[in-house]
Amino acid sequence: MSVIEARRPWSDTAKAYALNAPAMIVIALLVAYPIVYSFWVSLQRNNLKRPRAKRFIGLENYRSLLTDDAFLSALRVSALFVLVVLGFTVVLALILALVLNERFRGRGLLLSLALLPWAMPGVVNGLMWRTIFDAKTGALNGLLSQLGLIDTYHAWLTSGTGAFFFTAMAQVWNTLPFSVIILLAGLSTIPSELYDAAKVDRAGAFQRFGQVALPWLLHPLLIVLILETMNAFRAFDTIYVLTGGGPGDATTTIALLDVQTVLTFTDFGLGSAYAWVITAITLLISIGYIGLLYRKGNFEV
């Protein structure tokens, strides 16, 4: 091998880095810098209403969160919100994916209709459901009244339990189609021979699902769990438009409290700390999901 040929791999590598350097620098400036800067802000007392009080305070913002009743309440609401949204989303997504995986007339139309909620912005989704649940002119009250199920119109969002449940359902409606598509893609990759073998063994529908489909869907389900957990934890626009965090603090999540801290109280230091807490929680949960698959030996790189 000549000297030129020996140097060629390094030259090609150097050329590749040189060509990609501008894009990598731009990405670093657009992504890495805001991340680092937001963490730096979270270590400061940074309130626009008291600009002269701006100074470095270390982890004081994070320590104050642990004794803040509003934060602890929002943490409980967020945890329950994630559990409810995840439960309904996974079950409904599995059912819809199994239905849409079958071949029947009108399947394409039904699939297109199922994608509509996903294309709806969170603010529009919140406005739609607020109109449906309106105590005076809401479509839900009108429908139930026409069916003779209620005599008087109800204010569905005035009780803490009702507001929380309907807000969670609005979030499920908005994000469910994405989970359906992921699971449907997973179902479409299952070899038909596996179902045929299960039928030969006289396995019923539930047995075929548990022994064939479900193991094949572990990785798509992992993606659904991670993304839906992230979406539920950072849900803001639908909650803000639908209930504004009320009644009381029944629907005040960490994400909503974070935005209120920044926009209402202009406390960027504490708001950045909230954002990093949300990031840390979702990251730990995601690692936990992946760890469960590794422990069971079902994850392949």
Protein backbone atom coordinates (compact mmCIF):
# COMPACT_ATOMS: atom_id res chain seq x y z
CA MET A 1 0.00 0.00 0.00
CA SER A 2 1.42 3.39 -0.98
CA VAL A 3 1.70 6.36 1.35
CA ILE A 4 -1.06 8.19 -0.57
CA GLU A 5 -3.43 5.23 -0.24
CA ALA A 6 -2.69 4.96 3.50
CA ARG A 7 -3.56 8.62 4.02
CA ARG A 8 -6.71 8.58 1.91
CA PRO A 9 -9.11 7.31 4.65
CA TRP A 10 -8.02 10.09 6.98
CA SER A 11 -8.30 12.63 4.17
CA ASP A 12 -11.83 11.46 3.37
CA THR A 13 -12.77 11.64 7.04
CA ALA A 14 -11.30 15.12 7.38
CA LYS A 15 -13.13 16.23 4.25
CA ALA A 16 -16.41 14.85 5.62
CA TYR A 17 -15.95 16.74 8.89
CA ALA A 18 -15.06 19.90 7.01
CA LEU A 19 -18.17 19.68 4.83
CA ASN A 20 -20.42 19.01 7.82
CA ALA A 21 -18.80 21.58 10.09
CA PRO A 22 -21.02 24.55 9.06
CA ALA A 23 -24.20 22.57 9.65
CA MET A 24 -22.88 21.23 12.97
CA ILE A 25 -22.00 24.75 14.11
CA VAL A 26 -25.46 26.05 13.20
CA ILE A 27 -27.12 23.15 15.03
CA ALA A 28 -24.92 23.78 18.07
CA LEU A 29 -25.90 27.46 18.10
CA LEU A 30 -29.61 26.79 17.60
CA VAL A 31 -29.94 23.80 19.95
CA ALA A 32 -27.03 23.50 22.35
CA TYR A 33 -26.72 27.19 23.22
CA PRO A 34 -30.37 27.66 24.34
CA ILE A 35 -30.13 24.49 26.45
CA VAL A 36 -26.96 25.63 28.20
CA TYR A 37 -28.25 29.19 28.57
CA SER A 38 -31.57 28.08 30.09
CA PHE A 39 -29.69 26.04 32.69
CA TRP A 40 -27.52 29.06 33.45
CA VAL A 41 -30.64 31.21 33.89
CA SER A 42 -32.09 28.62 36.29
CA LEU A 43 -29.09 29.26 38.54
CA GLN A 44 -29.89 32.98 38.78
CA ARG A 45 -32.36 35.26 40.47
CA ASN A 46 -33.74 36.68 37.24
CA ASN A 47 -37.01 38.58 37.52
CA LEU A 48 -37.85 41.34 35.03
CA LYS A 49 -39.83 43.18 37.72
CA ARG A 50 -36.65 43.42 39.84
CA PRO A 51 -33.81 43.77 37.32
CA ARG A 52 -31.36 45.15 39.89
CA ALA A 53 -31.74 42.00 42.01
CA LYS A 54 -30.39 39.80 39.22
CA ARG A 55 -27.52 37.66 40.50
CA PHE A 56 -26.15 34.13 40.63
CA ILE A 57 -27.78 32.05 43.39
CA GLY A 58 -26.70 28.52 42.49
CA LEU A 59 -29.30 25.83 43.19
CA GLU A 60 -31.53 28.10 45.28
CA ASN A 61 -34.35 28.02 42.69
CA TYR A 62 -34.32 24.23 42.74
CA ARG A 63 -34.30 24.11 46.55
CA SER A 64 -37.23 26.50 46.74
CA LEU A 65 -39.28 24.19 44.50
CA LEU A 66 -39.08 21.38 47.04
CA THR A 67 -40.82 23.52 49.68
CA ASP A 68 -43.26 25.26 47.32
CA ASP A 69 -46.83 24.03 47.87
CA ALA A 70 -47.84 25.17 44.38
CA PHE A 71 -45.07 23.09 42.82
CA LEU A 72 -45.87 19.99 44.88
CA SER A 73 -49.56 20.31 43.98
CA ALA A 74 -48.72 20.74 40.29
CA LEU A 75 -46.42 17.72 40.49
CA ARG A 76 -49.24 15.56 41.86
CA VAL A 77 -51.65 16.83 39.20
CA SER A 78 -49.09 16.22 36.45
CA ALA A 79 -48.37 12.67 37.65
CA LEU A 80 -52.06 11.79 37.77
CA PHE A 81 -52.65 13.51 34.43
CA VAL A 82 -49.90 11.45 32.79
CA LEU A 83 -51.24 8.19 34.24
CA VAL A 84 -54.80 8.87 33.07
CA VAL A 85 -53.75 10.03 29.60
CA LEU A 86 -51.35 7.10 29.17
CA GLY A 87 -53.92 4.55 30.30
CA PHE A 88 -56.65 5.71 27.94
CA THR A 89 -54.24 6.36 25.07
CA VAL A 90 -52.55 2.94 25.13
CA VAL A 91 -55.82 0.99 25.44
CA LEU A 92 -57.67 2.99 22.78
CA ALA A 93 -54.67 3.05 20.44
CA LEU A 94 -54.33 -0.74 20.65
CA ILE A 95 -58.03 -1.25 19.92
CA LEU A 96 -58.08 1.18 16.99
CA ALA A 97 -54.82 -0.19 15.56
CA LEU A 98 -56.17 -3.74 15.68
CA VAL A 99 -59.38 -2.63 13.94
CA LEU A 100 -57.57 -0.62 11.27
CA ASN A 101 -55.14 -3.48 10.67
CA GLU A 102 -58.01 -5.54 9.25
CA ARG A 103 -59.03 -5.23 5.60
CA PHE A 104 -62.56 -3.87 5.15
CA ARG A 105 -64.45 -1.44 2.96
CA GLY A 106 -63.97 2.17 4.03
CA ARG A 107 -60.74 1.45 5.90
CA GLY A 108 -58.86 4.25 4.12
CA LEU A 109 -61.57 6.80 4.91
CA LEU A 110 -61.70 5.73 8.55
CA LEU A 111 -57.91 5.99 8.81
CA SER A 112 -57.99 9.50 7.32
CA LEU A 113 -60.69 10.59 9.77
CA ALA A 114 -58.72 9.12 12.66
CA LEU A 115 -55.79 11.40 11.81
CA LEU A 116 -57.79 14.64 11.97
CA PRO A 117 -57.42 15.24 15.76
CA TRP A 118 -53.65 14.90 15.45
CA ALA A 119 -53.53 17.69 12.85
CA MET A 120 -55.43 20.01 15.20
CA PRO A 121 -53.29 22.54 17.13
CA GLY A 122 -53.57 22.39 20.90
CA VAL A 123 -55.21 25.81 21.15
CA VAL A 124 -57.87 24.86 18.59
CA ASN A 125 -58.38 21.56 20.39
CA GLY A 126 -58.94 23.40 23.67
CA LEU A 127 -61.38 25.87 22.09
CA MET A 128 -63.34 23.03 20.48
CA TRP A 129 -63.75 21.11 23.73
CA ARG A 130 -64.54 24.28 25.68
CA THR A 131 -67.39 24.91 23.25
CA ILE A 132 -68.59 21.33 23.64
CA PHE A 133 -68.57 21.52 27.45
CA ASP A 134 -70.02 25.04 27.69
CA ALA A 135 -72.63 25.21 30.45
CA LYS A 136 -75.11 27.33 28.45
CA THR A 137 -74.66 26.50 24.78
CA GLY A 138 -72.45 23.40 24.87
CA ALA A 139 -73.03 20.60 22.37
CA LEU A 140 -72.75 17.95 25.09
CA ASN A 141 -75.58 19.46 27.12
CA GLY A 142 -77.67 19.85 23.98
CA LEU A 143 -77.15 16.22 22.94
CA LEU A 144 -77.90 14.79 26.38
CA SER A 145 -80.96 17.00 26.67
CA GLN A 146 -82.27 15.85 23.28
CA LEU A 147 -81.80 12.24 24.35
CA GLY A 148 -83.71 12.92 27.56
CA LEU A 149 -80.76 12.00 29.77
CA ILE A 150 -80.63 15.36 31.59
CA ASP A 151 -83.31 17.90 32.53
CA THR A 152 -81.05 20.89 33.12
CA TYR A 153 -77.75 21.93 31.59
CA HIS A 154 -74.64 21.07 33.61
CA ALA A 155 -71.47 23.08 34.10
CA TRP A 156 -69.07 20.24 33.39
CA LEU A 157 -65.87 22.15 34.09
CA THR A 158 -66.78 23.75 37.42
CA SER A 159 -65.89 20.76 39.59
CA GLY A 160 -62.28 19.74 40.07
CA THR A 161 -62.86 16.09 39.19
CA GLY A 162 -64.92 16.90 36.11
CA ALA A 163 -62.48 19.51 34.83
CA PHE A 164 -59.53 17.16 35.32
CA PHE A 165 -61.20 14.20 33.61
CA PHE A 166 -62.47 16.16 30.60
CA THR A 167 -59.12 17.92 30.19
CA ALA A 168 -57.37 14.55 30.16
CA MET A 169 -59.85 13.28 27.56
CA ALA A 170 -59.19 16.35 25.40
CA GLN A 171 -55.46 15.57 25.56
CA VAL A 172 -56.13 11.93 24.64
CA TRP A 173 -58.25 13.04 21.67
CA ASN A 174 -55.47 15.29 20.41
CA THR A 175 -52.57 12.83 20.66
CA LEU A 176 -54.26 9.44 20.18
CA PRO A 177 -53.91 9.29 16.34
CA PHE A 178 -50.11 9.43 16.54
CA SER A 179 -50.05 6.39 18.84
CA VAL A 180 -52.48 4.56 16.56
CA ILE A 181 -50.19 5.10 13.56
CA ILE A 182 -47.13 3.83 15.44
CA LEU A 183 -48.92 0.68 16.63
CA LEU A 184 -50.53 0.15 13.24
CA ALA A 185 -47.09 0.28 11.63
CA GLY A 186 -45.90 -2.33 14.11
CA LEU A 187 -48.86 -4.61 13.41
CA SER A 188 -48.28 -4.38 9.67
CA THR A 189 -44.79 -5.89 10.07
CA ILE A 190 -45.98 -9.08 11.79
CA PRO A 191 -45.51 -12.03 9.40
CA SER A 192 -48.80 -13.69 8.51
CA GLU A 193 -47.13 -17.07 9.11
CA LEU A 194 -47.16 -16.40 12.84
CA TYR A 195 -50.93 -15.91 12.84
CA ASP A 196 -51.36 -19.01 10.67
CA ALA A 197 -49.28 -21.07 13.08
CA ALA A 198 -51.33 -19.80 16.02
CA LYS A 199 -54.55 -20.74 14.23
CA VAL A 200 -53.19 -24.24 13.58
CA ASP A 201 -52.59 -24.52 17.32
CA ARG A 202 -56.25 -23.51 17.79
CA ALA A 203 -55.36 -20.26 19.54
CA GLY A 204 -58.29 -17.90 20.02
CA ALA A 205 -58.34 -14.20 19.17
CA PHE A 206 -57.14 -13.13 22.62
CA GLN A 207 -54.43 -15.80 22.61
CA ARG A 208 -53.21 -14.68 19.19
CA PHE A 209 -53.05 -11.12 20.44
CA GLY A 210 -51.18 -12.04 23.63
CA GLN A 211 -48.79 -14.55 22.10
CA VAL A 212 -48.19 -13.05 18.64
CA ALA A 213 -49.16 -9.39 18.38
CA LEU A 214 -48.26 -8.08 21.84
CA PRO A 215 -44.64 -9.36 21.92
CA TRP A 216 -44.15 -7.90 18.43
CA LEU A 217 -45.46 -4.53 19.62
CA LEU A 218 -43.11 -4.10 22.58
CA HIS A 219 -40.84 -1.66 20.74
CA PRO A 220 -43.69 0.41 19.21
CA LEU A 221 -45.34 0.48 22.63
CA LEU A 222 -42.09 1.77 24.12
CA ILE A 223 -42.11 4.63 21.60
CA VAL A 224 -45.75 5.38 22.43
CA LEU A 225 -45.08 5.38 26.18
CA ILE A 226 -42.07 7.68 25.89
CA LEU A 227 -43.65 10.19 23.50
CA GLU A 228 -47.04 10.24 25.21
CA THR A 229 -45.39 10.72 28.60
CA MET A 230 -43.44 13.67 27.22
CA ASN A 231 -46.54 15.13 25.57
CA ALA A 232 -48.65 14.77 28.72
CA PHE A 233 -46.00 16.28 30.99
CA ARG A 234 -45.48 19.31 28.76
CA ALA A 235 -49.17 19.74 27.86
CA PHE A 236 -50.02 23.41 28.20
CA ASP A 237 -52.08 24.94 25.40
CA THR A 238 -55.12 22.65 25.65
CA ILE A 239 -55.23 22.94 29.45
CA TYR A 240 -54.75 26.71 29.39
CA VAL A 241 -57.55 27.30 26.88
CA LEU A 242 -59.95 24.74 28.36
CA THR A 243 -59.68 25.41 32.10
CA GLY A 244 -56.83 27.86 32.70
CA GLY A 245 -55.62 25.51 35.43
CA GLY A 246 -58.86 25.69 37.39
CA PRO A 247 -61.09 25.31 39.17
CA GLY A 248 -58.63 26.16 41.90
CA ASP A 249 -55.51 24.20 41.03
CA ALA A 250 -57.32 21.03 39.89
CA THR A 251 -55.78 21.15 36.41
CA THR A 252 -52.63 23.17 37.13
CA THR A 253 -49.78 21.02 35.83
CA ILE A 254 -46.06 21.72 36.07
CA ALA A 255 -45.98 22.94 32.48
CA LEU A 256 -48.84 25.37 33.09
CA LEU A 257 -47.25 26.57 36.33
CA ASP A 258 -43.99 27.09 34.46
CA VAL A 259 -45.62 29.29 31.81
CA GLN A 260 -47.53 31.26 34.46
CA THR A 261 -44.31 31.81 36.40
CA VAL A 262 -42.59 33.25 33.34
CA LEU A 263 -45.41 35.21 31.69
CA THR A 264 -47.36 36.39 34.75
CA PHE A 265 -44.62 36.83 37.35
CA THR A 266 -41.74 37.32 34.83
CA ASP A 267 -39.54 35.09 36.98
CA PHE A 268 -37.24 33.59 34.36
CA GLY A 269 -34.91 31.99 36.89
CA LEU A 270 -37.64 29.98 38.59
CA GLY A 271 -39.34 29.30 35.26
CA SER A 272 -36.14 27.83 33.84
CA ALA A 273 -35.84 25.65 36.93
CA TYR A 274 -39.37 24.35 36.29
CA ALA A 275 -38.43 23.55 32.70
CA TRP A 276 -35.37 21.59 33.78
CA VAL A 277 -37.40 19.66 36.36
CA ILE A 278 -39.86 18.67 33.62
CA THR A 279 -36.96 17.59 31.40
CA ALA A 280 -35.37 15.56 34.20
CA ILE A 281 -38.63 13.80 35.07
CA THR A 282 -39.42 12.81 31.49
CA LEU A 283 -35.82 11.71 30.93
CA LEU A 284 -35.85 9.49 34.03
CA ILE A 285 -39.18 7.95 33.04
CA SER A 286 -37.90 7.28 29.51
CA ILE A 287 -34.78 5.60 30.90
CA GLY A 288 -37.03 3.52 33.14
CA TYR A 289 -39.11 2.36 30.16
CA ILE A 290 -36.01 1.33 28.23
CA GLY A 291 -34.54 -0.32 31.32
CA LEU A 292 -37.58 -2.56 31.66
CA LEU A 293 -37.11 -3.83 28.12
CA TYR A 294 -33.40 -4.40 28.68
CA ARG A 295 -34.12 -6.32 31.87
CA LYS A 296 -36.55 -8.59 30.06
CA GLY A 297 -34.09 -9.11 27.22
CA ASN A 298 -36.53 -7.75 24.65
CA PHE A 299 -34.49 -4.82 23.41
CA GLU A 300 -32.19 -5.22 20.48
CA VAL A 301 -29.80 -2.62 19.19
